[in-house]
Protein backbone atom coordinates (compact mmCIF):
# COMPACT_ATOMS: atom_id res chain seq x y z
CA PHE A 1 -15.55 -26.83 -14.24
CA ARG A 2 -14.54 -27.78 -10.70
CA LEU A 3 -10.87 -27.01 -11.45
CA ILE A 4 -11.72 -23.56 -12.86
CA SER A 5 -13.74 -22.61 -9.79
CA VAL A 6 -10.84 -23.59 -7.50
CA VAL A 7 -8.44 -21.46 -9.56
CA LEU A 8 -10.82 -18.48 -9.39
CA VAL A 9 -11.01 -18.76 -5.62
CA LEU A 10 -7.22 -18.83 -5.44
CA LEU A 11 -6.96 -15.81 -7.76
CA SER A 12 -9.07 -13.78 -5.37
CA LYS A 13 -6.39 -14.14 -2.68
CA PHE A 14 -4.14 -11.78 -4.66
CA THR A 15 -6.42 -8.75 -4.53
CA HIS A 16 -7.29 -5.97 -2.11
CA HIS A 17 -9.83 -6.64 0.59
CA LEU A 18 -11.05 -4.79 3.66
CA VAL A 19 -10.46 -6.40 7.02
CA SER A 20 -11.49 -5.33 10.53
CA GLY A 21 -12.87 -1.84 10.15
CA SER A 22 -10.80 0.54 8.11
CA VAL A 23 -7.70 -1.57 7.40
CA LEU A 24 -7.31 -2.49 3.74
CA GLU A 25 -5.16 -5.58 3.30
CA VAL A 26 -3.07 -5.79 0.10
CA THR A 27 -1.19 -8.94 -0.83
CA ALA A 28 1.57 -8.50 -3.40
CA ARG A 29 4.38 -10.59 -4.85
CA PRO A 30 8.02 -9.49 -4.62
CA GLY A 31 8.79 -7.31 -7.64
CA ASP A 32 5.21 -6.03 -8.07
CA ASN A 33 4.39 -2.33 -8.36
CA ILE A 34 1.45 -1.22 -6.22
CA THR A 35 -0.38 2.06 -5.73
CA LEU A 36 -1.95 3.08 -2.43
CA TYR A 37 -4.69 5.71 -2.64
CA CYS A 38 -5.03 8.66 -0.27
CA ASP A 39 -8.38 10.12 0.80
CA CYS A 40 -6.89 13.37 2.19
CA GLU A 41 -7.03 16.62 0.19
CA LEU A 42 -4.44 19.28 -0.55
CA SER A 43 -5.05 22.99 -0.06
CA LYS A 44 -3.04 26.19 0.21
CA ARG A 45 -1.18 25.46 3.46
CA ILE A 46 -1.82 21.72 3.60
CA SER A 47 0.63 19.10 2.35
CA ILE A 48 0.15 15.34 2.04
CA MET A 49 2.35 12.86 3.85
CA TRP A 50 2.58 9.08 3.82
CA ILE A 51 3.68 7.09 6.87
CA ARG A 52 4.75 3.46 7.11
CA ASN A 53 4.84 1.60 10.41
CA CYS A 54 6.90 -1.43 9.57
CA SER A 55 6.15 -4.98 10.59
CA HIS A 56 9.88 -5.82 10.86
CA GLU A 57 11.38 -5.06 14.26
CA ASN A 58 14.65 -3.62 12.88
CA GLN A 59 13.07 -1.68 10.02
CA PRO A 60 12.57 2.03 10.73
CA SER A 61 9.30 3.84 10.10
CA LEU A 62 9.11 5.86 6.92
CA VAL A 63 7.62 9.35 6.46
CA LEU A 64 7.22 10.75 2.93
CA LYS A 65 6.12 14.36 2.43
CA SER A 66 4.66 15.89 -0.74
CA ILE A 67 6.21 19.25 0.12
CA ASN A 68 9.80 18.00 -0.23
CA GLN A 69 10.02 15.11 -2.65
CA ASN A 70 13.84 15.26 -2.95
CA TYR A 71 14.16 12.97 0.08
CA ILE A 72 11.92 10.16 -1.15
CA PRO A 73 13.69 6.82 -1.74
CA PRO A 74 13.96 5.85 -5.44
CA ARG A 75 11.42 2.98 -5.36
CA PHE A 76 8.75 5.24 -3.83
CA GLU A 77 6.87 7.90 -5.76
CA LEU A 78 4.17 10.34 -4.71
CA VAL A 79 1.81 10.51 -7.70
CA ASN A 80 -0.36 13.59 -8.05
CA ASN A 81 -3.98 12.49 -8.28
CA SER A 82 -5.84 15.46 -9.76
CA SER A 83 -9.25 13.79 -9.47
CA SER A 84 -8.96 13.50 -5.67
CA ASN A 85 -6.67 16.53 -5.21
CA SER A 86 -4.17 14.37 -3.35
CA TYR A 87 -0.98 12.33 -3.69
CA ASP A 88 -1.16 8.55 -4.02
CA LEU A 89 1.82 6.37 -3.13
CA LEU A 90 3.41 4.19 -5.81
CA ILE A 91 5.82 1.54 -4.54
CA LYS A 92 7.95 0.03 -7.32
CA ASN A 93 9.56 -3.41 -7.23
CA ILE A 94 8.13 -4.21 -3.80
CA THR A 95 10.38 -6.14 -1.42
CA ASN A 96 10.02 -7.82 1.98
CA PRO A 97 11.07 -4.72 4.00
CA ASP A 98 8.12 -2.83 2.40
CA GLU A 99 5.61 -4.86 4.42
CA GLY A 100 3.76 -2.91 7.08
CA LEU A 101 0.94 -0.46 7.77
CA TYR A 102 0.70 2.56 5.48
CA TYR A 103 -1.52 5.58 5.92
CA CYS A 104 -1.66 9.05 4.48
CA GLY A 105 -2.36 12.24 6.30
CA THR A 106 -2.16 16.00 6.06
CA ARG A 107 0.20 18.49 7.61
CA GLU A 108 -1.22 22.01 7.91
CA LEU A 109 1.01 24.99 8.58
CA ASN A 110 -0.41 27.41 11.17
CA ILE A 111 1.26 30.80 11.51
CA GLU A 112 0.53 32.51 14.78
CA GLU A 113 0.59 36.18 15.75
CA TYR A 114 4.25 36.35 16.80
CA LYS A 115 5.53 34.64 13.66
CA THR A 116 5.80 31.28 15.30
CA SER A 117 4.54 28.36 13.31
CA THR A 118 3.06 25.04 14.28
CA TYR A 119 1.70 22.10 12.34
CA ASP A 120 -1.63 20.33 12.70
CA TYR A 121 -1.65 16.68 11.61
CA ARG A 122 -4.70 14.75 10.47
CA TYR A 123 -4.77 11.16 9.28
CA SER A 124 -6.81 9.41 6.62
CA ASN A 125 -9.78 7.15 7.26
CA ILE A 126 -8.08 4.10 5.73
CA THR A 127 -4.92 2.25 6.73
CA THR A 128 -3.39 -0.20 4.25
CA ARG A 129 -1.49 -3.30 5.37
CA ILE A 130 0.93 -4.64 2.75
CA ILE A 131 1.72 -8.34 2.96
CA LEU A 132 4.11 -10.09 0.59
CA SER A 133 2.88 -13.37 -0.84
CA LYS A 134 4.97 -16.38 0.14
CA CYS A 135 3.74 -18.64 -2.70
CA PHE A 136 5.53 -19.62 -5.86
CA GLY A 137 3.14 -17.78 -8.14
CA LEU A 138 -0.10 -18.65 -9.89
CA ASN A 139 1.52 -20.52 -12.79
CA TYR A 140 3.11 -23.00 -10.38
CA LEU A 141 -0.15 -23.28 -8.44
CA PHE A 142 -2.23 -23.85 -11.59
CA VAL A 143 0.13 -26.55 -12.92
CA SER A 144 0.15 -28.25 -9.50
CA LEU A 145 -3.66 -28.29 -9.47
CA ILE A 146 -3.78 -29.85 -12.94
CA ILE A 147 -1.28 -32.56 -11.92
CA PHE A 148 -3.16 -33.23 -8.67
CA THR A 149 -6.48 -33.45 -10.54
CA ALA A 150 -5.01 -35.79 -13.13
CA LYS A 151 -3.60 -38.11 -10.42
CA PHE A 152 -6.87 -38.02 -8.51
CA ASN A 153 -8.88 -39.08 -11.58
CA TYR A 154 -6.73 -42.18 -12.25
């Protein structure tokens, strides 16, 4: 029973949890697919965009826009979420350079009297920090715990 409770505590480290205000921390393993949810809504002149501020000093920021999806890198996909009237971000086969802060926002087109246009930007209430797990995986961890427990009992 003691071994099972330790494993359950360790399993909880691989889930989403909220830290310090409105930052959601997500821990993933290299190769995982993860979906980040957006709380901004689409409308007639409003498009959704996703922004990544990277944690690597030489990695550029990333801006993905729902209005022009031809320029989205292949491992990233904006998924139409009809229940929230938004676009969620799917990251496939996550890698180390994908770590960083992600947030969604809206870009609203404003057309003024003299046919000039400007954009108003608004950002979501939640920022997501993606962290890649540095462990060997749960199978390795579970086997190590069994071996350690067996040695401890003898």
